[in-house]
C-alpha atoms as a PDB file:
ATOM      1  CA  UNK A   1     -11.919  -2.154  35.168  1.00  0.00           C
ATOM      2  CA  UNK A   2     -12.768  -1.353  31.431  1.00  0.00           C
ATOM      3  CA  UNK A   3     -13.057  -3.987  28.983  1.00  0.00           C
ATOM      4  CA  UNK A   4     -11.579  -3.738  25.530  1.00  0.00           C
ATOM      5  CA  UNK A   5     -13.728  -3.480  22.672  1.00  0.00           C
ATOM      6  CA  UNK A   6     -13.243  -5.976  20.212  1.00  0.00           C
ATOM      7  CA  UNK A   7     -12.785  -4.651  16.411  1.00  0.00           C
ATOM      8  CA  UNK A   8     -15.871  -5.621  14.283  1.00  0.00           C
ATOM      9  CA  UNK A   9     -15.559  -8.748  12.412  1.00  0.00           C
ATOM     10  CA  UNK A  10     -14.219  -8.062   8.596  1.00  0.00           C
ATOM     11  CA  UNK A  11     -17.335  -8.347   6.192  1.00  0.00           C
ATOM     12  CA  UNK A  12     -16.599 -10.736   3.270  1.00  0.00           C
ATOM     13  CA  UNK A  13     -15.971  -7.839   1.029  1.00  0.00           C
ATOM     14  CA  UNK A  14     -13.161  -6.471   3.108  1.00  0.00           C
ATOM     15  CA  UNK A  15     -11.455  -9.731   3.560  1.00  0.00           C
ATOM     16  CA  UNK A  16     -11.272 -10.283  -0.360  1.00  0.00           C
ATOM     17  CA  UNK A  17      -9.574  -7.022  -0.663  1.00  0.00           C
ATOM     18  CA  UNK A  18      -7.329  -7.913   2.277  1.00  0.00           C
ATOM     19  CA  UNK A  19      -6.566 -11.208   0.440  1.00  0.00           C
ATOM     20  CA  UNK A  20      -5.712  -9.182  -2.667  1.00  0.00           C
ATOM     21  CA  UNK A  21      -3.437  -6.671  -0.987  1.00  0.00           C
ATOM     22  CA  UNK A  22      -1.605  -9.578   0.727  1.00  0.00           C
ATOM     23  CA  UNK A  23      -1.160 -11.840  -1.996  1.00  0.00           C
ATOM     24  CA  UNK A  24      -0.088  -8.979  -4.304  1.00  0.00           C
ATOM     25  CA  UNK A  25       2.282  -7.497  -1.638  1.00  0.00           C
ATOM     26  CA  UNK A  26       3.623 -10.774  -0.990  1.00  0.00           C
ATOM     27  CA  UNK A  27       3.577 -11.723  -4.552  1.00  0.00           C
ATOM     28  CA  UNK A  28       5.570  -8.599  -5.796  1.00  0.00           C
ATOM     29  CA  UNK A  29       8.253  -9.222  -3.190  1.00  0.00           C
ATOM     30  CA  UNK A  30       8.760 -12.699  -4.484  1.00  0.00           C
ATOM     31  CA  UNK A  31       8.544 -12.079  -8.023  1.00  0.00           C
ATOM     32  CA  UNK A  32      11.035  -9.040  -7.743  1.00  0.00           C
ATOM     33  CA  UNK A  33      13.392 -11.582  -6.026  1.00  0.00           C
ATOM     34  CA  UNK A  34      13.250 -13.910  -8.629  1.00  0.00           C
ATOM     35  CA  UNK A  35      13.499 -11.972 -11.328  1.00  0.00           C
ATOM     36  CA  UNK A  36      16.720  -9.924 -10.116  1.00  0.00           C
ATOM     37  CA  UNK A  37      18.251 -12.749  -8.327  1.00  0.00           C
ATOM     38  CA  UNK A  38      17.420 -15.879 -10.707  1.00  0.00           C
ATOM     39  CA  UNK A  39      16.024 -15.033 -13.942  1.00  0.00           C
ATOM     40  CA  UNK A  40      18.679 -12.080 -14.746  1.00  0.00           C
ATOM     41  CA  UNK A  41      21.571 -13.682 -16.345  1.00  0.00           C
ATOM     42  CA  UNK A  42      23.687 -10.642 -16.404  1.00  0.00           C
ATOM     43  CA  UNK A  43      23.724  -9.038 -13.064  1.00  0.00           C
ATOM     44  CA  UNK A  44      23.764  -5.289 -14.123  1.00  0.00           C
ATOM     45  CA  UNK A  45      23.112  -4.092 -10.272  1.00  0.00           C
ATOM     46  CA  UNK A  46      24.977  -4.987  -7.298  1.00  0.00           C
ATOM     47  CA  UNK A  47      23.109  -6.936  -4.874  1.00  0.00           C
ATOM     48  CA  UNK A  48      22.979  -3.879  -2.541  1.00  0.00           C
ATOM     49  CA  UNK A  49      21.359  -2.093  -5.000  1.00  0.00           C
ATOM     50  CA  UNK A  50      18.733  -4.353  -5.815  1.00  0.00           C
ATOM     51  CA  UNK A  51      18.028  -5.149  -2.098  1.00  0.00           C
ATOM     52  CA  UNK A  52      17.879  -1.274  -1.106  1.00  0.00           C
ATOM     53  CA  UNK A  53      15.942  -0.025  -4.534  1.00  0.00           C
ATOM     54  CA  UNK A  54      13.514  -2.797  -5.172  1.00  0.00           C
ATOM     55  CA  UNK A  55      13.104  -5.023  -2.196  1.00  0.00           C
ATOM     56  CA  UNK A  56      13.627  -2.761   1.125  1.00  0.00           C
ATOM     57  CA  UNK A  57      10.640  -0.655   0.293  1.00  0.00           C
ATOM     58  CA  UNK A  58       8.549  -3.545   0.122  1.00  0.00           C
ATOM     59  CA  UNK A  59       9.713  -4.516   3.704  1.00  0.00           C
ATOM     60  CA  UNK A  60       8.685  -1.566   5.133  1.00  0.00           C
ATOM     61  CA  UNK A  61       4.782  -1.813   5.269  1.00  0.00           C
ATOM     62  CA  UNK A  62       5.079  -5.759   5.468  1.00  0.00           C
ATOM     63  CA  UNK A  63       4.195  -6.189   9.105  1.00  0.00           C
ATOM     64  CA  UNK A  64       1.400  -4.055   9.052  1.00  0.00           C
ATOM     65  CA  UNK A  65       0.032  -5.454   6.118  1.00  0.00           C
ATOM     66  CA  UNK A  66       0.141  -9.046   7.634  1.00  0.00           C
ATOM     67  CA  UNK A  67      -1.479  -7.583  10.877  1.00  0.00           C
ATOM     68  CA  UNK A  68      -4.602  -6.033   8.506  1.00  0.00           C
ATOM     69  CA  UNK A  69      -3.704  -2.325   9.721  1.00  0.00           C
ATOM     70  CA  UNK A  70      -6.021  -0.123   7.592  1.00  0.00           C
ATOM     71  CA  UNK A  71      -3.356   2.930   7.906  1.00  0.00           C
ATOM     72  CA  UNK A  72      -0.331   0.860   6.722  1.00  0.00           C
ATOM     73  CA  UNK A  73      -2.278  -0.131   3.778  1.00  0.00           C
ATOM     74  CA  UNK A  74      -3.436   3.323   3.160  1.00  0.00           C
ATOM     75  CA  UNK A  75       0.133   4.633   2.883  1.00  0.00           C
ATOM     76  CA  UNK A  76       1.586   1.462   1.305  1.00  0.00           C
ATOM     77  CA  UNK A  77      -0.489   2.758  -1.890  1.00  0.00           C
ATOM     78  CA  UNK A  78       2.402   5.445  -2.128  1.00  0.00           C
ATOM     79  CA  UNK A  79       5.261   2.718  -2.199  1.00  0.00           C
ATOM     80  CA  UNK A  80       3.757   0.554  -4.712  1.00  0.00           C
ATOM     81  CA  UNK A  81       3.382   3.843  -7.369  1.00  0.00           C
ATOM     82  CA  UNK A  82       7.194   3.031  -7.508  1.00  0.00           C
ATOM     83  CA  UNK A  83       6.630  -0.394  -8.827  1.00  0.00           C
ATOM     84  CA  UNK A  84       3.736   0.620 -11.069  1.00  0.00           C
ATOM     85  CA  UNK A  85       6.301   3.327 -12.583  1.00  0.00           C
ATOM     86  CA  UNK A  86       9.087   0.909 -12.846  1.00  0.00           C
ATOM     87  CA  UNK A  87       6.936  -1.689 -14.631  1.00  0.00           C
ATOM     88  CA  UNK A  88       5.529   0.805 -17.198  1.00  0.00           C
ATOM     89  CA  UNK A  89       9.137   2.080 -18.109  1.00  0.00           C
ATOM     90  CA  UNK A  90      10.300  -1.536 -18.320  1.00  0.00           C
ATOM     91  CA  UNK A  91       7.671  -2.306 -20.965  1.00  0.00           C
ATOM     92  CA  UNK A  92       8.324   0.678 -22.629  1.00  0.00           C
ATOM     93  CA  UNK A  93      12.065   0.678 -22.870  1.00  0.00           C
ATOM     94  CA  UNK A  94      13.453  -3.094 -22.497  1.00  0.00           C
ATOM     95  CA  UNK A  95      11.384  -5.401 -24.748  1.00  0.00           C
ATOM     96  CA  UNK A  96      13.338  -8.303 -23.470  1.00  0.00           C
ATOM     97  CA  UNK A  97      11.677  -8.044 -20.329  1.00  0.00           C
ATOM     98  CA  UNK A  98       8.094  -7.283 -21.084  1.00  0.00           C
ATOM     99  CA  UNK A  99       6.919 -10.144 -19.653  1.00  0.00           C
ATOM    100  CA  UNK A 100       8.714  -9.781 -16.206  1.00  0.00           C
ATOM    101  CA  UNK A 101       7.448  -6.217 -16.390  1.00  0.00           C
ATOM    102  CA  UNK A 102       3.961  -7.060 -17.182  1.00  0.00           C
ATOM    103  CA  UNK A 103       3.662  -9.582 -14.087  1.00  0.00           C
ATOM    104  CA  UNK A 104       5.032  -6.816 -11.911  1.00  0.00           C
ATOM    105  CA  UNK A 105       2.860  -4.335 -13.190  1.00  0.00           C
ATOM    106  CA  UNK A 106      -0.328  -6.808 -12.412  1.00  0.00           C
ATOM    107  CA  UNK A 107       0.701  -7.290  -9.270  1.00  0.00           C
ATOM    108  CA  UNK A 108       1.589  -3.534  -8.353  1.00  0.00           C
ATOM    109  CA  UNK A 109      -2.157  -2.616  -9.753  1.00  0.00           C
ATOM    110  CA  UNK A 110      -3.496  -5.688  -7.687  1.00  0.00           C
ATOM    111  CA  UNK A 111      -1.556  -4.622  -4.474  1.00  0.00           C
ATOM    112  CA  UNK A 112      -2.802  -0.789  -5.180  1.00  0.00           C
ATOM    113  CA  UNK A 113      -6.398  -1.616  -5.502  1.00  0.00           C
ATOM    114  CA  UNK A 114      -6.316  -4.272  -2.595  1.00  0.00           C
ATOM    115  CA  UNK A 115      -4.642  -1.946  -0.047  1.00  0.00           C
ATOM    116  CA  UNK A 116      -6.692   1.309  -1.047  1.00  0.00           C
ATOM    117  CA  UNK A 117     -10.109  -0.314  -0.846  1.00  0.00           C
ATOM    118  CA  UNK A 118      -9.093  -2.822   2.284  1.00  0.00           C
ATOM    119  CA  UNK A 119      -8.102   0.769   3.957  1.00  0.00           C
ATOM    120  CA  UNK A 120     -11.161   2.427   2.985  1.00  0.00           C
ATOM    121  CA  UNK A 121     -13.816  -0.119   3.639  1.00  0.00           C
ATOM    122  CA  UNK A 122     -12.108  -1.474   7.100  1.00  0.00           C
ATOM    123  CA  UNK A 123     -11.768   2.378   8.327  1.00  0.00           C
ATOM    124  CA  UNK A 124     -15.528   2.590   7.517  1.00  0.00           C
ATOM    125  CA  UNK A 125     -16.025  -0.575   9.553  1.00  0.00           C
ATOM    126  CA  UNK A 126     -13.891   0.362  12.157  1.00  0.00           C
ATOM    127  CA  UNK A 127     -15.339   4.083  12.367  1.00  0.00           C
ATOM    128  CA  UNK A 128     -11.914   5.601  11.612  1.00  0.00           C
ATOM    129  CA  UNK A 129     -12.813   7.250   8.229  1.00  0.00           C
ATOM    130  CA  UNK A 130     -11.438  10.930   7.495  1.00  0.00           C
ATOM    131  CA  UNK A 131     -14.096  13.577   8.278  1.00  0.00           C
ATOM    132  CA  UNK A 132     -15.199  15.502   5.240  1.00  0.00           C
ATOM    133  CA  UNK A 133     -13.258  18.618   4.407  1.00  0.00           C
ATOM    134  CA  UNK A 134     -15.814  20.715   5.034  1.00  0.00           C
ATOM    135  CA  UNK A 135     -16.716  19.728   8.593  1.00  0.00           C
ATOM    136  CA  UNK A 136     -12.940  20.029   9.253  1.00  0.00           C
ATOM    137  CA  UNK A 137     -12.927  23.676   7.925  1.00  0.00           C
ATOM    138  CA  UNK A 138     -16.048  24.266  10.228  1.00  0.00           C
ATOM    139  CA  UNK A 139     -14.156  22.994  13.179  1.00  0.00           C
ATOM    140  CA  UNK A 140     -10.906  24.936  12.546  1.00  0.00           C
ATOM    141  CA  UNK A 141     -13.077  28.021  11.766  1.00  0.00           C
ATOM    142  CA  UNK A 142     -15.126  27.919  15.224  1.00  0.00           C
ATOM    143  CA  UNK A 143     -11.832  26.852  16.971  1.00  0.00           C
ATOM    144  CA  UNK A 144     -10.134  30.204  15.526  1.00  0.00           C
ATOM    145  CA  UNK A 145     -13.166  32.463  15.798  1.00  0.00           C
ATOM    146  CA  UNK A 146     -13.191  31.208  19.637  1.00  0.00           C
ATOM    147  CA  UNK A 147      -9.547  31.970  20.333  1.00  0.00           C
ATOM    148  CA  UNK A 148      -9.783  35.305  18.575  1.00  0.00           C
ATOM    149  CA  UNK A 149     -13.040  36.418  20.734  1.00  0.00           C
ATOM    150  CA  UNK A 150     -11.193  35.325  24.136  1.00  0.00           C
ATOM    151  CA  UNK A 151      -8.137  37.535  23.444  1.00  0.00           C
END
């Protein structure tokens, strides 16, 4: 029976970025809930719209981020760009909500940096980092030429 190898223990730097990613992600989820459900005096949007557009995208990677999965951290960077753009737009277009949007922007930047750095560094620790493009091209060329020669 083969014994499973345990993943290497996270270095202190990787752990720091994991905490930044987790804190920022949960903070963004909590802040947007507070902003749209408690602080907004006029309900411009329906509750369903707020949940689907602002909260649901943050719930998609939540389990993977809690479980510290590097791949989930990597693709969640694409999701957080929506919140970055939203915050920049609100800061520019609605001066009444500048403080609300500034906090959203800080949390989104924290999540982006935390998730991307955690994914990169943890991937290196686990040995799952992506190969260089030149190596991939060489492998594909060798595979293609090998198939052509056998025909």
